[in-house]
Amino acid sequence: MAGADLRVGVDPIFRAFGVPVTVTRPAPEDTPIETEGVWHAPMTDQVPAGLALTRASPQRVMALRRDVVPTVPRGTVLAAPETIGGPVALWRLDGVAQWEADLVRVLVVPLADES
């Protein structure tokens, strides 16, 4: 079994931890996609060491299935609750944290923070 991929498949993870998400990409691919996403622990960007000021600003990270959402261009908006059964909030794609074979982990910011 040398070289075998021993990771857990995405199906059980999304069934256990997924929240409903509506992904709306910018035109021309702007048909909303109803799917599920999995929130990850927020990533923290640290200000470089050696500066007089240090701060950490957490960034929200959500995993989406690439077989359902193959692209996440700039301008993509996600409608998703922060917790299972919670109120739906709007999130703007802020960047991609990581592409994997079956997932894309996206950085999002609340749309309300931009007003």
N, C-alpha and C. Protein backbone atom coordinates (compact mmCIF):
# COMPACT_ATOMS: atom_id res chain seq x y z
N MET A 1 0.81 -1.18 0.00
CA MET A 1 0.00 0.00 0.00
C MET A 1 0.86 1.25 0.00
N ALA A 2 2.07 1.14 -0.45
CA ALA A 2 2.93 2.31 -0.50
C ALA A 2 2.31 3.37 -1.39
N GLY A 3 2.28 4.59 -0.88
CA GLY A 3 1.75 5.69 -1.66
C GLY A 3 0.24 5.82 -1.61
N ALA A 4 -0.44 4.97 -0.82
CA ALA A 4 -1.90 5.04 -0.74
C ALA A 4 -2.32 6.31 0.00
N ASP A 5 -3.41 6.90 -0.45
CA ASP A 5 -3.95 8.10 0.18
C ASP A 5 -4.85 7.65 1.33
N LEU A 6 -4.46 7.94 2.56
CA LEU A 6 -5.20 7.47 3.72
C LEU A 6 -6.08 8.55 4.33
N ARG A 7 -6.25 9.67 3.62
CA ARG A 7 -7.11 10.74 4.15
C ARG A 7 -8.57 10.30 4.14
N VAL A 8 -9.33 10.85 5.05
CA VAL A 8 -10.77 10.62 5.08
C VAL A 8 -11.38 11.34 3.88
N GLY A 9 -12.30 10.70 3.20
CA GLY A 9 -12.97 11.33 2.07
C GLY A 9 -13.80 12.53 2.53
N VAL A 10 -14.19 13.38 1.60
CA VAL A 10 -14.91 14.59 1.97
C VAL A 10 -16.37 14.34 2.33
N ASP A 11 -16.98 13.28 1.81
CA ASP A 11 -18.40 13.04 2.07
C ASP A 11 -18.74 12.98 3.56
N PRO A 12 -18.05 12.16 4.37
CA PRO A 12 -18.41 12.11 5.79
C PRO A 12 -18.15 13.43 6.53
N ILE A 13 -17.14 14.16 6.11
CA ILE A 13 -16.83 15.45 6.75
C ILE A 13 -17.94 16.45 6.47
N PHE A 14 -18.38 16.53 5.22
CA PHE A 14 -19.44 17.46 4.87
C PHE A 14 -20.78 17.05 5.48
N ARG A 15 -21.05 15.75 5.57
CA ARG A 15 -22.29 15.29 6.22
C ARG A 15 -22.28 15.67 7.70
N ALA A 16 -21.15 15.53 8.37
CA ALA A 16 -21.08 15.77 9.81
C ALA A 16 -20.98 17.26 10.15
N PHE A 17 -20.23 18.03 9.38
CA PHE A 17 -19.92 19.41 9.77
C PHE A 17 -20.41 20.47 8.79
N GLY A 18 -21.02 20.07 7.70
CA GLY A 18 -21.41 21.02 6.67
C GLY A 18 -22.58 21.91 7.08
N VAL A 19 -22.50 23.14 6.61
CA VAL A 19 -23.61 24.09 6.74
C VAL A 19 -24.10 24.41 5.33
N PRO A 20 -25.38 24.72 5.18
CA PRO A 20 -25.86 25.06 3.83
C PRO A 20 -25.24 26.37 3.35
N VAL A 21 -24.83 26.38 2.09
CA VAL A 21 -24.19 27.55 1.50
C VAL A 21 -24.77 27.78 0.11
N THR A 22 -25.02 29.05 -0.20
CA THR A 22 -25.35 29.43 -1.56
C THR A 22 -24.17 30.24 -2.07
N VAL A 23 -23.53 29.73 -3.12
CA VAL A 23 -22.36 30.38 -3.71
C VAL A 23 -22.80 31.09 -4.98
N THR A 24 -22.56 32.39 -5.04
CA THR A 24 -22.91 33.16 -6.23
C THR A 24 -21.64 33.80 -6.78
N ARG A 25 -21.22 33.30 -7.92
CA ARG A 25 -20.03 33.84 -8.57
C ARG A 25 -20.43 35.01 -9.47
N PRO A 26 -19.48 35.84 -9.84
CA PRO A 26 -19.81 36.96 -10.73
C PRO A 26 -20.16 36.45 -12.14
N ALA A 27 -20.84 37.31 -12.91
CA ALA A 27 -21.21 36.98 -14.30
C ALA A 27 -19.95 36.67 -15.10
N PRO A 28 -20.02 35.77 -16.02
CA PRO A 28 -21.22 35.13 -16.58
C PRO A 28 -21.62 33.85 -15.86
N GLU A 29 -20.88 33.41 -14.87
CA GLU A 29 -21.20 32.17 -14.14
C GLU A 29 -21.96 32.48 -12.86
N ASP A 30 -22.99 33.34 -12.94
CA ASP A 30 -23.64 33.85 -11.75
C ASP A 30 -24.88 33.08 -11.31
N THR A 31 -25.10 31.89 -11.85
CA THR A 31 -26.19 31.05 -11.37
C THR A 31 -25.83 30.58 -9.98
N PRO A 32 -26.68 30.86 -8.96
CA PRO A 32 -26.36 30.43 -7.59
C PRO A 32 -26.21 28.91 -7.50
N ILE A 33 -25.24 28.50 -6.70
CA ILE A 33 -24.97 27.08 -6.47
C ILE A 33 -25.35 26.77 -5.02
N GLU A 34 -26.32 25.87 -4.84
CA GLU A 34 -26.72 25.42 -3.50
C GLU A 34 -25.85 24.23 -3.14
N THR A 35 -25.12 24.34 -2.03
CA THR A 35 -24.20 23.28 -1.63
C THR A 35 -24.01 23.31 -0.12
N GLU A 36 -22.96 22.70 0.34
CA GLU A 36 -22.58 22.75 1.75
C GLU A 36 -21.12 23.19 1.84
N GLY A 37 -20.81 23.83 2.94
CA GLY A 37 -19.43 24.24 3.22
C GLY A 37 -19.08 23.84 4.64
N VAL A 38 -17.80 23.73 4.90
CA VAL A 38 -17.32 23.39 6.24
C VAL A 38 -16.44 24.52 6.73
N TRP A 39 -16.81 25.12 7.87
CA TRP A 39 -15.98 26.15 8.47
C TRP A 39 -14.75 25.52 9.11
N HIS A 40 -13.63 26.17 8.95
CA HIS A 40 -12.39 25.76 9.61
C HIS A 40 -12.06 26.77 10.69
N ALA A 41 -11.14 26.41 11.55
CA ALA A 41 -10.70 27.37 12.55
C ALA A 41 -10.14 28.59 11.82
N PRO A 42 -10.43 29.80 12.31
CA PRO A 42 -9.91 30.99 11.63
C PRO A 42 -8.38 30.98 11.55
N MET A 43 -7.88 31.48 10.43
CA MET A 43 -6.43 31.64 10.27
C MET A 43 -6.07 32.99 10.85
N THR A 44 -4.90 33.10 11.45
CA THR A 44 -4.46 34.35 12.03
C THR A 44 -3.23 34.84 11.30
N ASP A 45 -3.33 36.06 10.75
CA ASP A 45 -2.18 36.70 10.12
C ASP A 45 -1.44 37.47 11.19
N GLN A 46 -0.20 37.20 11.36
CA GLN A 46 0.61 37.90 12.34
C GLN A 46 1.37 39.02 11.66
N VAL A 47 1.46 40.16 12.34
CA VAL A 47 2.31 41.24 11.86
C VAL A 47 3.75 40.76 12.01
N PRO A 48 4.63 41.03 11.04
CA PRO A 48 6.00 40.52 11.11
C PRO A 48 6.70 40.86 12.43
N ALA A 49 7.50 39.92 12.91
CA ALA A 49 8.25 40.13 14.15
C ALA A 49 9.24 41.28 13.97
N GLY A 50 9.54 41.92 15.06
CA GLY A 50 10.50 43.02 15.02
C GLY A 50 9.85 44.38 14.92
N LEU A 51 8.56 44.42 14.65
CA LEU A 51 7.87 45.69 14.62
C LEU A 51 7.42 46.06 16.03
N ALA A 52 7.31 47.34 16.28
CA ALA A 52 6.90 47.79 17.61
C ALA A 52 5.47 47.34 17.93
N LEU A 53 4.62 47.28 16.91
CA LEU A 53 3.24 46.86 17.11
C LEU A 53 3.07 45.43 16.64
N THR A 54 2.33 44.67 17.39
CA THR A 54 1.97 43.34 16.92
C THR A 54 0.47 43.18 17.11
N ARG A 55 -0.14 42.57 16.13
CA ARG A 55 -1.57 42.29 16.23
C ARG A 55 -1.85 41.05 15.39
N ALA A 56 -2.93 40.43 15.70
CA ALA A 56 -3.36 39.27 14.93
C ALA A 56 -4.80 39.51 14.50
N SER A 57 -5.06 39.33 13.23
CA SER A 57 -6.42 39.49 12.74
C SER A 57 -6.89 38.16 12.17
N PRO A 58 -7.86 37.51 12.82
CA PRO A 58 -8.32 36.21 12.33
C PRO A 58 -9.09 36.34 11.03
N GLN A 59 -8.87 35.39 10.13
CA GLN A 59 -9.61 35.32 8.87
C GLN A 59 -10.43 34.05 8.87
N ARG A 60 -11.69 34.17 8.45
CA ARG A 60 -12.58 33.02 8.38
C ARG A 60 -12.24 32.19 7.16
N VAL A 61 -12.28 30.88 7.33
CA VAL A 61 -11.94 29.93 6.26
C VAL A 61 -13.07 28.93 6.11
N MET A 62 -13.51 28.75 4.86
CA MET A 62 -14.54 27.75 4.57
C MET A 62 -14.05 26.84 3.45
N ALA A 63 -14.29 25.55 3.62
CA ALA A 63 -13.96 24.58 2.58
C ALA A 63 -15.20 24.32 1.74
N LEU A 64 -14.98 24.30 0.42
CA LEU A 64 -16.04 23.98 -0.54
C LEU A 64 -15.58 22.82 -1.40
N ARG A 65 -16.51 22.01 -1.85
CA ARG A 65 -16.19 20.87 -2.71
C ARG A 65 -15.93 21.38 -4.12
N ARG A 66 -14.82 20.98 -4.70
CA ARG A 66 -14.48 21.41 -6.06
C ARG A 66 -15.35 20.74 -7.11
N ASP A 67 -15.93 19.57 -6.81
CA ASP A 67 -16.80 18.93 -7.80
C ASP A 67 -18.15 19.66 -7.90
N VAL A 68 -18.48 20.50 -6.93
CA VAL A 68 -19.71 21.27 -6.95
C VAL A 68 -19.43 22.73 -7.31
N VAL A 69 -18.35 23.27 -6.76
CA VAL A 69 -17.95 24.67 -7.01
C VAL A 69 -16.54 24.62 -7.62
N PRO A 70 -16.45 24.49 -8.94
CA PRO A 70 -15.13 24.31 -9.56
C PRO A 70 -14.26 25.56 -9.59
N THR A 71 -14.88 26.75 -9.53
CA THR A 71 -14.11 27.99 -9.54
C THR A 71 -14.68 28.94 -8.50
N VAL A 72 -13.82 29.76 -7.93
CA VAL A 72 -14.24 30.79 -6.97
C VAL A 72 -13.51 32.09 -7.30
N PRO A 73 -13.97 32.76 -8.35
CA PRO A 73 -13.29 33.99 -8.77
C PRO A 73 -13.55 35.15 -7.81
N ARG A 74 -12.72 36.17 -7.94
CA ARG A 74 -12.92 37.40 -7.17
C ARG A 74 -14.33 37.91 -7.43
N GLY A 75 -15.00 38.37 -6.39
CA GLY A 75 -16.38 38.83 -6.52
C GLY A 75 -17.40 37.79 -6.11
N THR A 76 -16.96 36.59 -5.76
CA THR A 76 -17.87 35.54 -5.32
C THR A 76 -18.45 35.90 -3.95
N VAL A 77 -19.75 35.65 -3.78
CA VAL A 77 -20.43 35.91 -2.51
C VAL A 77 -21.01 34.59 -2.01
N LEU A 78 -20.87 34.34 -0.72
CA LEU A 78 -21.42 33.14 -0.10
C LEU A 78 -22.47 33.57 0.91
N ALA A 79 -23.60 32.87 0.92
CA ALA A 79 -24.64 33.06 1.93
C ALA A 79 -24.62 31.80 2.78
N ALA A 80 -24.21 31.95 4.06
CA ALA A 80 -24.05 30.78 4.92
C ALA A 80 -24.15 31.17 6.38
N PRO A 81 -24.70 30.28 7.20
CA PRO A 81 -24.69 30.53 8.64
C PRO A 81 -23.31 30.20 9.21
N GLU A 82 -22.99 30.82 10.34
CA GLU A 82 -21.71 30.49 10.99
C GLU A 82 -21.78 29.16 11.73
N THR A 83 -22.99 28.76 12.11
CA THR A 83 -23.18 27.49 12.80
C THR A 83 -24.37 26.76 12.19
N ILE A 84 -24.43 25.48 12.36
CA ILE A 84 -25.55 24.68 11.85
C ILE A 84 -26.83 25.20 12.49
N GLY A 85 -27.79 25.58 11.66
CA GLY A 85 -29.06 26.07 12.15
C GLY A 85 -29.06 27.56 12.52
N GLY A 86 -27.92 28.23 12.40
CA GLY A 86 -27.83 29.64 12.74
C GLY A 86 -28.36 30.52 11.63
N PRO A 87 -28.40 31.84 11.88
CA PRO A 87 -28.89 32.76 10.86
C PRO A 87 -27.90 32.86 9.69
N VAL A 88 -28.44 33.03 8.50
CA VAL A 88 -27.61 33.13 7.30
C VAL A 88 -26.99 34.52 7.23
N ALA A 89 -25.71 34.58 6.95
CA ALA A 89 -24.98 35.83 6.77
C ALA A 89 -24.36 35.84 5.38
N LEU A 90 -24.04 37.02 4.87
CA LEU A 90 -23.38 37.14 3.57
C LEU A 90 -21.88 37.33 3.78
N TRP A 91 -21.10 36.62 2.98
CA TRP A 91 -19.64 36.63 3.06
C TRP A 91 -19.07 36.91 1.68
N ARG A 92 -18.03 37.70 1.60
CA ARG A 92 -17.35 37.98 0.34
C ARG A 92 -16.03 37.21 0.32
N LEU A 93 -15.77 36.58 -0.81
CA LEU A 93 -14.49 35.90 -0.99
C LEU A 93 -13.36 36.92 -0.90
N ASP A 94 -12.40 36.64 -0.04
CA ASP A 94 -11.26 37.53 0.14
C ASP A 94 -9.99 36.93 -0.47
N GLY A 95 -10.05 35.66 -0.81
CA GLY A 95 -8.90 34.99 -1.40
C GLY A 95 -9.02 33.49 -1.23
N VAL A 96 -8.08 32.78 -1.79
CA VAL A 96 -8.03 31.33 -1.66
C VAL A 96 -6.87 30.97 -0.75
N ALA A 97 -7.16 30.22 0.29
CA ALA A 97 -6.12 29.78 1.22
C ALA A 97 -5.38 28.56 0.68
N GLN A 98 -6.14 27.64 0.04
CA GLN A 98 -5.50 26.40 -0.41
C GLN A 98 -6.41 25.67 -1.40
N TRP A 99 -5.81 25.21 -2.50
CA TRP A 99 -6.47 24.32 -3.45
C TRP A 99 -6.03 22.90 -3.13
N GLU A 100 -6.97 21.98 -3.06
CA GLU A 100 -6.65 20.57 -2.88
C GLU A 100 -7.35 19.81 -4.01
N ALA A 101 -7.08 18.54 -4.13
CA ALA A 101 -7.66 17.75 -5.20
C ALA A 101 -9.19 17.79 -5.17
N ASP A 102 -9.78 17.74 -3.97
CA ASP A 102 -11.23 17.67 -3.86
C ASP A 102 -11.86 18.88 -3.19
N LEU A 103 -11.05 19.78 -2.62
CA LEU A 103 -11.55 20.94 -1.88
C LEU A 103 -10.85 22.21 -2.31
N VAL A 104 -11.52 23.31 -2.06
CA VAL A 104 -10.86 24.62 -2.11
C VAL A 104 -11.20 25.28 -0.77
N ARG A 105 -10.19 25.77 -0.10
CA ARG A 105 -10.39 26.49 1.17
C ARG A 105 -10.32 27.97 0.86
N VAL A 106 -11.44 28.67 1.11
CA VAL A 106 -11.52 30.08 0.76
C VAL A 106 -11.51 30.94 2.01
N LEU A 107 -10.90 32.12 1.88
CA LEU A 107 -10.91 33.12 2.94
C LEU A 107 -12.09 34.03 2.67
N VAL A 108 -12.90 34.29 3.69
CA VAL A 108 -14.08 35.13 3.52
C VAL A 108 -14.13 36.20 4.60
N VAL A 109 -14.77 37.30 4.24
CA VAL A 109 -15.03 38.37 5.21
C VAL A 109 -16.52 38.68 5.18
N PRO A 110 -17.08 39.06 6.33
CA PRO A 110 -18.51 39.40 6.32
C PRO A 110 -18.77 40.57 5.39
N LEU A 111 -19.81 40.47 4.60
CA LEU A 111 -20.16 41.54 3.67
C LEU A 111 -20.53 42.80 4.43
N ALA A 112 -21.09 42.66 5.62
CA ALA A 112 -21.49 43.82 6.44
C ALA A 112 -20.29 44.66 6.85
N ASP A 113 -19.09 44.05 6.94
CA ASP A 113 -17.87 44.78 7.33
C ASP A 113 -17.42 45.78 6.28
N GLU A 114 -17.99 45.70 5.08
CA GLU A 114 -17.52 46.54 3.98
C GLU A 114 -18.30 47.84 3.85
N SER A 115 -19.31 48.04 4.66
CA SER A 115 -20.11 49.27 4.50
C SER A 115 -19.52 50.43 5.25
